[in-house]
């Protein structure tokens, strides 16, 4: 009798475990990532390359090169995508949505430095939906500060977007550069 009761109890526990697996929410966020997760950035169905850099991870604070400069030093300036103003950038965090997200919009020079002062950096408010964030590539007022007529040609403005994300105490940044119009 004890064997039958034990076998019945094991069968019930196994059935409950299997049923829980069937009804678990498969879209629930994963636990905190052990490393900065890969993401995807797209604008008008075009995949946008990005650079990633740890700011602070697992108690370590990182001193590293500027992500915009890294992108341009890699020779990417000849392949920077041209994006028309008004398009929407979509960031897919692939199951690891950050606790916080801050996006900054820069007008850059050809070396990847801020072209003007810190006052011309615009903070972007993204729309978030589960593990995706999106924002519009709007006109940047600082793009109109140049007195060089070549800066008003199609695709002459280098725009850098810095996306700083945190998961608990861990923080990293994703950065990408595109060319837009003034």
Protein backbone atom coordinates (compact mmCIF):
# COMPACT_ATOMS: atom_id res chain seq x y z
CA UNK A 1 0.00 0.00 0.00
CA UNK A 2 2.83 2.37 0.85
CA UNK A 3 4.40 1.76 -2.57
CA UNK A 4 1.15 2.59 -4.35
CA UNK A 5 0.70 5.79 -2.31
CA UNK A 6 4.31 6.87 -2.98
CA UNK A 7 3.96 6.09 -6.68
CA UNK A 8 0.67 8.02 -6.83
CA UNK A 9 2.26 10.99 -5.04
CA UNK A 10 5.23 11.02 -7.42
CA UNK A 11 2.87 10.80 -10.40
CA UNK A 12 0.80 13.73 -9.12
CA UNK A 13 3.91 15.86 -8.49
CA UNK A 14 5.29 15.05 -11.94
CA UNK A 15 1.95 15.90 -13.57
CA UNK A 16 1.79 19.25 -11.74
CA UNK A 17 5.34 20.09 -12.80
CA UNK A 18 4.60 19.26 -16.43
CA UNK A 19 1.38 21.28 -16.41
CA UNK A 20 3.15 24.31 -14.94
CA UNK A 21 5.61 24.17 -17.82
CA UNK A 22 2.74 24.22 -20.30
CA UNK A 23 1.12 27.29 -18.75
CA UNK A 24 4.14 29.41 -17.92
CA UNK A 25 4.26 32.81 -19.64
CA UNK A 26 6.87 32.34 -22.35
CA UNK A 27 7.10 36.12 -22.84
CA UNK A 28 8.10 36.81 -19.24
CA UNK A 29 11.39 38.66 -19.05
CA UNK A 30 14.51 36.64 -18.50
CA UNK A 31 16.56 37.17 -15.37
CA UNK A 32 19.19 39.91 -15.30
CA UNK A 33 21.77 39.32 -18.01
CA UNK A 34 25.25 38.20 -16.93
CA UNK A 35 26.75 40.31 -19.74
CA UNK A 36 25.31 43.21 -21.75
CA UNK A 37 22.78 41.54 -24.04
CA UNK A 38 22.85 41.75 -27.80
CA UNK A 39 20.12 43.93 -29.18
CA UNK A 40 18.93 44.84 -32.64
CA UNK A 41 18.39 48.35 -33.92
CA UNK A 42 16.41 48.98 -37.08
CA UNK A 43 15.11 51.99 -38.93
CA UNK A 44 12.64 51.42 -41.78
CA UNK A 45 13.47 47.70 -41.81
CA UNK A 46 17.18 48.53 -42.24
CA UNK A 47 19.46 46.95 -39.63
CA UNK A 48 21.66 49.58 -37.99
CA UNK A 49 25.13 48.55 -36.75
CA UNK A 50 26.01 49.61 -33.22
CA UNK A 51 28.88 49.61 -30.74
CA UNK A 52 28.51 48.44 -27.15
CA UNK A 53 30.48 49.50 -24.11
CA UNK A 54 30.21 48.59 -20.45
CA UNK A 55 30.00 51.53 -18.07
CA UNK A 56 29.62 49.53 -14.88
CA UNK A 57 29.15 45.77 -14.69
CA UNK A 58 29.30 43.29 -11.81
CA UNK A 59 30.88 45.90 -9.51
CA UNK A 60 33.59 46.95 -11.99
CA UNK A 61 33.66 50.47 -13.45
CA UNK A 62 35.06 50.63 -16.97
CA UNK A 63 37.32 53.30 -18.45
CA UNK A 64 37.11 52.83 -22.20
CA UNK A 65 37.14 54.63 -25.52
CA UNK A 66 34.13 56.70 -26.57
CA UNK A 67 31.71 54.49 -28.52
CA UNK A 68 31.18 57.10 -31.27
CA UNK A 69 34.92 57.39 -31.85
CA UNK A 70 35.29 53.60 -31.92
CA UNK A 71 32.63 53.39 -34.65
CA UNK A 72 34.34 55.99 -36.83
CA UNK A 73 37.88 54.68 -36.22
CA UNK A 74 36.77 51.30 -37.51
CA UNK A 75 36.29 52.86 -40.95
CA UNK A 76 32.52 52.78 -40.71
CA UNK A 77 32.10 56.39 -41.88
CA UNK A 78 31.96 55.28 -45.51
CA UNK A 79 29.17 52.83 -44.67
CA UNK A 80 27.08 54.94 -42.32
CA UNK A 81 23.42 54.55 -43.26
CA UNK A 82 21.55 57.58 -44.56
CA UNK A 83 18.21 57.96 -42.80
CA UNK A 84 15.51 60.47 -43.75
CA UNK A 85 14.17 62.61 -40.95
CA UNK A 86 10.86 61.42 -39.52
CA UNK A 87 11.69 57.69 -39.62
CA UNK A 88 11.32 55.57 -36.49
CA UNK A 89 14.20 53.75 -34.80
CA UNK A 90 13.24 50.48 -33.09
CA UNK A 91 15.43 48.86 -30.44
CA UNK A 92 14.69 45.21 -29.68
CA UNK A 93 16.13 44.06 -26.36
CA UNK A 94 15.41 40.42 -27.23
CA UNK A 95 13.91 39.36 -23.91
CA UNK A 96 16.15 41.49 -21.67
CA UNK A 97 14.36 44.83 -21.33
CA UNK A 98 16.41 47.18 -19.17
CA UNK A 99 15.16 48.64 -15.90
CA UNK A 100 16.01 52.11 -17.20
CA UNK A 101 16.83 53.49 -20.64
CA UNK A 102 18.21 56.95 -21.52
CA UNK A 103 18.74 58.02 -25.12
CA UNK A 104 20.83 61.04 -26.13
CA UNK A 105 20.95 62.55 -29.63
CA UNK A 106 24.20 64.24 -30.76
CA UNK A 107 25.38 66.15 -33.81
CA UNK A 108 28.91 64.83 -34.36
CA UNK A 109 31.96 65.86 -36.32
CA UNK A 110 33.74 63.37 -38.60
CA UNK A 111 35.93 62.13 -35.72
CA UNK A 112 32.94 61.20 -33.56
CA UNK A 113 33.18 64.13 -31.16
CA UNK A 114 30.25 66.31 -30.19
CA UNK A 115 30.26 69.04 -32.84
CA UNK A 116 29.02 71.78 -30.55
CA UNK A 117 28.63 71.99 -26.76
CA UNK A 118 26.97 69.75 -24.19
CA UNK A 119 23.95 72.11 -24.28
CA UNK A 120 23.07 70.90 -27.80
CA UNK A 121 22.71 67.25 -26.75
CA UNK A 122 19.02 66.31 -26.87
CA UNK A 123 17.47 63.75 -24.53
CA UNK A 124 15.04 61.53 -26.40
CA UNK A 125 11.98 60.03 -24.74
CA UNK A 126 11.43 56.58 -26.23
CA UNK A 127 8.14 54.74 -26.33
CA UNK A 128 8.50 51.32 -24.70
CA UNK A 129 6.47 48.19 -25.33
CA UNK A 130 7.54 44.98 -23.57
CA UNK A 131 11.14 44.43 -24.68
CA UNK A 132 11.19 47.06 -27.45
CA UNK A 133 11.74 50.80 -27.45
CA UNK A 134 11.21 53.23 -30.32
CA UNK A 135 11.76 56.88 -31.11
CA UNK A 136 11.53 59.21 -34.09
CA UNK A 137 14.63 60.47 -35.90
CA UNK A 138 13.58 64.10 -35.66
CA UNK A 139 15.34 67.20 -36.91
CA UNK A 140 18.14 68.25 -34.55
CA UNK A 141 18.22 72.05 -34.04
CA UNK A 142 22.03 72.06 -33.73
CA UNK A 143 22.27 70.77 -37.31
CA UNK A 144 21.19 74.26 -38.39
CA UNK A 145 24.04 76.05 -36.58
CA UNK A 146 26.66 75.54 -39.29
CA UNK A 147 27.68 78.38 -41.59
CA UNK A 148 29.21 75.90 -44.07
CA UNK A 149 26.83 75.36 -47.01
CA UNK A 150 28.15 71.79 -47.51
CA UNK A 151 26.60 70.87 -44.15
CA UNK A 152 23.16 71.39 -45.70
CA UNK A 153 23.64 68.83 -48.48
CA UNK A 154 21.75 65.54 -48.37
CA UNK A 155 23.15 63.22 -45.69
CA UNK A 156 25.84 65.67 -44.52
CA UNK A 157 24.89 65.62 -40.83
CA UNK A 158 26.47 62.94 -38.60
CA UNK A 159 24.01 62.02 -35.86
CA UNK A 160 25.05 59.90 -32.91
CA UNK A 161 22.60 58.17 -30.60
CA UNK A 162 23.78 56.93 -27.22
CA UNK A 163 21.45 54.47 -25.48
CA UNK A 164 22.35 53.95 -21.83
CA UNK A 165 20.64 50.95 -20.25
CA UNK A 166 20.72 49.56 -16.75
CA UNK A 167 19.74 46.25 -15.23
CA UNK A 168 19.95 46.69 -11.46
CA UNK A 169 23.44 48.06 -10.72
CA UNK A 170 24.79 47.02 -14.13
CA UNK A 171 24.96 49.67 -16.85
CA UNK A 172 26.15 49.70 -20.44
CA UNK A 173 25.70 51.84 -23.48
CA UNK A 174 24.83 51.07 -27.04
CA UNK A 175 25.72 53.67 -29.66
CA UNK A 176 25.08 54.10 -33.36
CA UNK A 177 25.76 56.77 -35.94
CA UNK A 178 23.70 57.65 -38.98
CA UNK A 179 23.77 60.37 -41.59
CA UNK A 180 20.76 62.66 -41.88
CA UNK A 181 19.84 65.98 -43.42
CA UNK A 182 20.02 69.30 -41.60
